[in-house]
Amino acid sequence: MDKQLLDILVCPVSGAALSMADHNALTAVNAEIDQGRATYADQSPVAQRVQAMLVTRDGRVGYRVDDGIPIMLPERGIALPGAS
């Protein structure tokens, strides 16, 4: 993702800065998806594995990036494994 775009994107709920998820974060969230435990903020299940994701710097919420487009809708935030 373009560095300039990444520098201006923030979480639409908290305003927290975002960064691209690393391999470990993607593996963890995809394991949750595979086990049917991952949900969006609106409590609907996350059915499709994540190929790329923006995560808040505190590691609590992720937003999928589909075909290079960040899905930054508040109801589409994914609670990340290990987030309290």
C-alpha atoms as a PDB file:
ATOM      1  CA  MET A   1       0.000   0.000   0.000  1.00  0.00           C
ATOM      2  CA  ASP A   2       1.171   3.487  -0.783  1.00  0.00           C
ATOM      3  CA  LYS A   3       3.085   4.994   2.164  1.00  0.00           C
ATOM      4  CA  GLN A   4       1.414   8.409   1.784  1.00  0.00           C
ATOM      5  CA  LEU A   5      -2.039   6.831   1.912  1.00  0.00           C
ATOM      6  CA  LEU A   6      -1.069   4.719   4.908  1.00  0.00           C
ATOM      7  CA  ASP A   7       0.184   7.837   6.710  1.00  0.00           C
ATOM      8  CA  ILE A   8      -3.237   9.525   6.510  1.00  0.00           C
ATOM      9  CA  LEU A   9      -5.519   6.555   7.191  1.00  0.00           C
ATOM     10  CA  VAL A  10      -6.819   6.166  10.741  1.00  0.00           C
ATOM     11  CA  CYS A  11      -9.309   3.872  12.428  1.00  0.00           C
ATOM     12  CA  PRO A  12     -12.786   5.290  11.709  1.00  0.00           C
ATOM     13  CA  VAL A  13     -13.897   4.491  15.266  1.00  0.00           C
ATOM     14  CA  SER A  14     -10.977   5.381  17.533  1.00  0.00           C
ATOM     15  CA  GLY A  15      -8.858   7.599  15.297  1.00  0.00           C
ATOM     16  CA  ALA A  16      -5.860   5.353  16.037  1.00  0.00           C
ATOM     17  CA  ALA A  17      -3.026   5.202  13.533  1.00  0.00           C
ATOM     18  CA  LEU A  18      -2.899   2.150  11.262  1.00  0.00           C
ATOM     19  CA  SER A  19      -0.149  -0.043   9.883  1.00  0.00           C
ATOM     20  CA  MET A  20      -0.047  -3.064   7.614  1.00  0.00           C
ATOM     21  CA  ALA A  21      -0.465  -6.376   9.411  1.00  0.00           C
ATOM     22  CA  ASP A  22       2.590  -8.601   9.485  1.00  0.00           C
ATOM     23  CA  HIS A  23       2.625 -12.308   8.633  1.00  0.00           C
ATOM     24  CA  ASN A  24       2.035 -13.350  12.251  1.00  0.00           C
ATOM     25  CA  ALA A  25      -1.046 -11.135  12.610  1.00  0.00           C
ATOM     26  CA  LEU A  26      -2.498 -12.444   9.345  1.00  0.00           C
ATOM     27  CA  THR A  27      -1.866 -16.036  10.394  1.00  0.00           C
ATOM     28  CA  ALA A  28      -3.572 -15.462  13.758  1.00  0.00           C
ATOM     29  CA  VAL A  29      -6.660 -13.763  12.333  1.00  0.00           C
ATOM     30  CA  ASN A  30      -6.996 -16.374   9.579  1.00  0.00           C
ATOM     31  CA  ALA A  31      -6.852 -19.144  12.195  1.00  0.00           C
ATOM     32  CA  GLU A  32      -9.728 -17.410  14.023  1.00  0.00           C
ATOM     33  CA  ILE A  33     -11.662 -17.138  10.742  1.00  0.00           C
ATOM     34  CA  ASP A  34     -11.047 -20.825   9.940  1.00  0.00           C
ATOM     35  CA  GLN A  35     -12.374 -21.800  13.374  1.00  0.00           C
ATOM     36  CA  GLY A  36     -15.471 -19.603  13.007  1.00  0.00           C
ATOM     37  CA  ARG A  37     -14.520 -17.333  15.904  1.00  0.00           C
ATOM     38  CA  ALA A  38     -13.783 -14.094  14.026  1.00  0.00           C
ATOM     39  CA  THR A  39     -16.519 -11.473  13.884  1.00  0.00           C
ATOM     40  CA  TYR A  40     -16.894  -8.005  12.514  1.00  0.00           C
ATOM     41  CA  ALA A  41     -17.831  -5.118  14.800  1.00  0.00           C
ATOM     42  CA  ASP A  42     -21.480  -5.632  13.832  1.00  0.00           C
ATOM     43  CA  GLN A  43     -21.180  -9.219  15.179  1.00  0.00           C
ATOM     44  CA  SER A  44     -21.545 -10.853  11.746  1.00  0.00           C
ATOM     45  CA  PRO A  45     -19.062 -13.671  11.094  1.00  0.00           C
ATOM     46  CA  VAL A  46     -15.926 -13.113   9.045  1.00  0.00           C
ATOM     47  CA  ALA A  47     -16.300 -15.829   6.416  1.00  0.00           C
ATOM     48  CA  GLN A  48     -13.472 -15.030   3.995  1.00  0.00           C
ATOM     49  CA  ARG A  49      -9.783 -15.315   4.908  1.00  0.00           C
ATOM     50  CA  VAL A  50      -7.770 -12.086   4.971  1.00  0.00           C
ATOM     51  CA  GLN A  51      -4.941 -11.596   2.470  1.00  0.00           C
ATOM     52  CA  ALA A  52      -3.943  -8.114   3.675  1.00  0.00           C
ATOM     53  CA  MET A  53      -5.100  -6.059   6.610  1.00  0.00           C
ATOM     54  CA  LEU A  54      -4.584  -2.694   8.269  1.00  0.00           C
ATOM     55  CA  VAL A  55      -4.330  -2.880  12.046  1.00  0.00           C
ATOM     56  CA  THR A  56      -4.567  -0.216  14.701  1.00  0.00           C
ATOM     57  CA  ARG A  57      -1.243   0.468  16.379  1.00  0.00           C
ATOM     58  CA  ASP A  58      -2.649  -0.931  19.629  1.00  0.00           C
ATOM     59  CA  GLY A  59      -3.358  -4.227  17.826  1.00  0.00           C
ATOM     60  CA  ARG A  60      -7.026  -4.358  18.800  1.00  0.00           C
ATOM     61  CA  VAL A  61      -8.811  -3.899  15.464  1.00  0.00           C
ATOM     62  CA  GLY A  62      -8.070  -4.849  11.879  1.00  0.00           C
ATOM     63  CA  TYR A  63      -9.588  -3.726   8.600  1.00  0.00           C
ATOM     64  CA  ARG A  64      -9.285  -6.017   5.620  1.00  0.00           C
ATOM     65  CA  VAL A  65      -7.692  -4.793   2.406  1.00  0.00           C
ATOM     66  CA  ASP A  66      -9.385  -6.423  -0.593  1.00  0.00           C
ATOM     67  CA  ASP A  67      -7.753  -6.028  -4.006  1.00  0.00           C
ATOM     68  CA  GLY A  68      -5.687  -3.135  -2.647  1.00  0.00           C
ATOM     69  CA  ILE A  69      -8.736  -1.303  -1.274  1.00  0.00           C
ATOM     70  CA  PRO A  70      -8.968  -0.825   2.500  1.00  0.00           C
ATOM     71  CA  ILE A  71     -12.457  -1.573   3.831  1.00  0.00           C
ATOM     72  CA  MET A  72     -12.633   1.169   6.453  1.00  0.00           C
ATOM     73  CA  LEU A  73     -16.271   0.924   7.517  1.00  0.00           C
ATOM     74  CA  PRO A  74     -16.766   1.017  11.311  1.00  0.00           C
ATOM     75  CA  GLU A  75     -18.998  -2.068  11.228  1.00  0.00           C
ATOM     76  CA  ARG A  76     -16.300  -3.999   9.304  1.00  0.00           C
ATOM     77  CA  GLY A  77     -13.592  -3.721  11.945  1.00  0.00           C
ATOM     78  CA  ILE A  78     -12.373  -7.161  13.035  1.00  0.00           C
ATOM     79  CA  ALA A  79     -11.489  -7.717  16.686  1.00  0.00           C
ATOM     80  CA  LEU A  80      -8.024  -9.238  16.606  1.00  0.00           C
ATOM     81  CA  PRO A  81      -6.925 -12.314  18.543  1.00  0.00           C
ATOM     82  CA  GLY A  82      -5.479 -11.403  21.914  1.00  0.00           C
ATOM     83  CA  ALA A  83      -7.267  -8.035  22.012  1.00  0.00           C
ATOM     84  CA  SER A  84      -9.122  -7.400  25.230  1.00  0.00           C
END
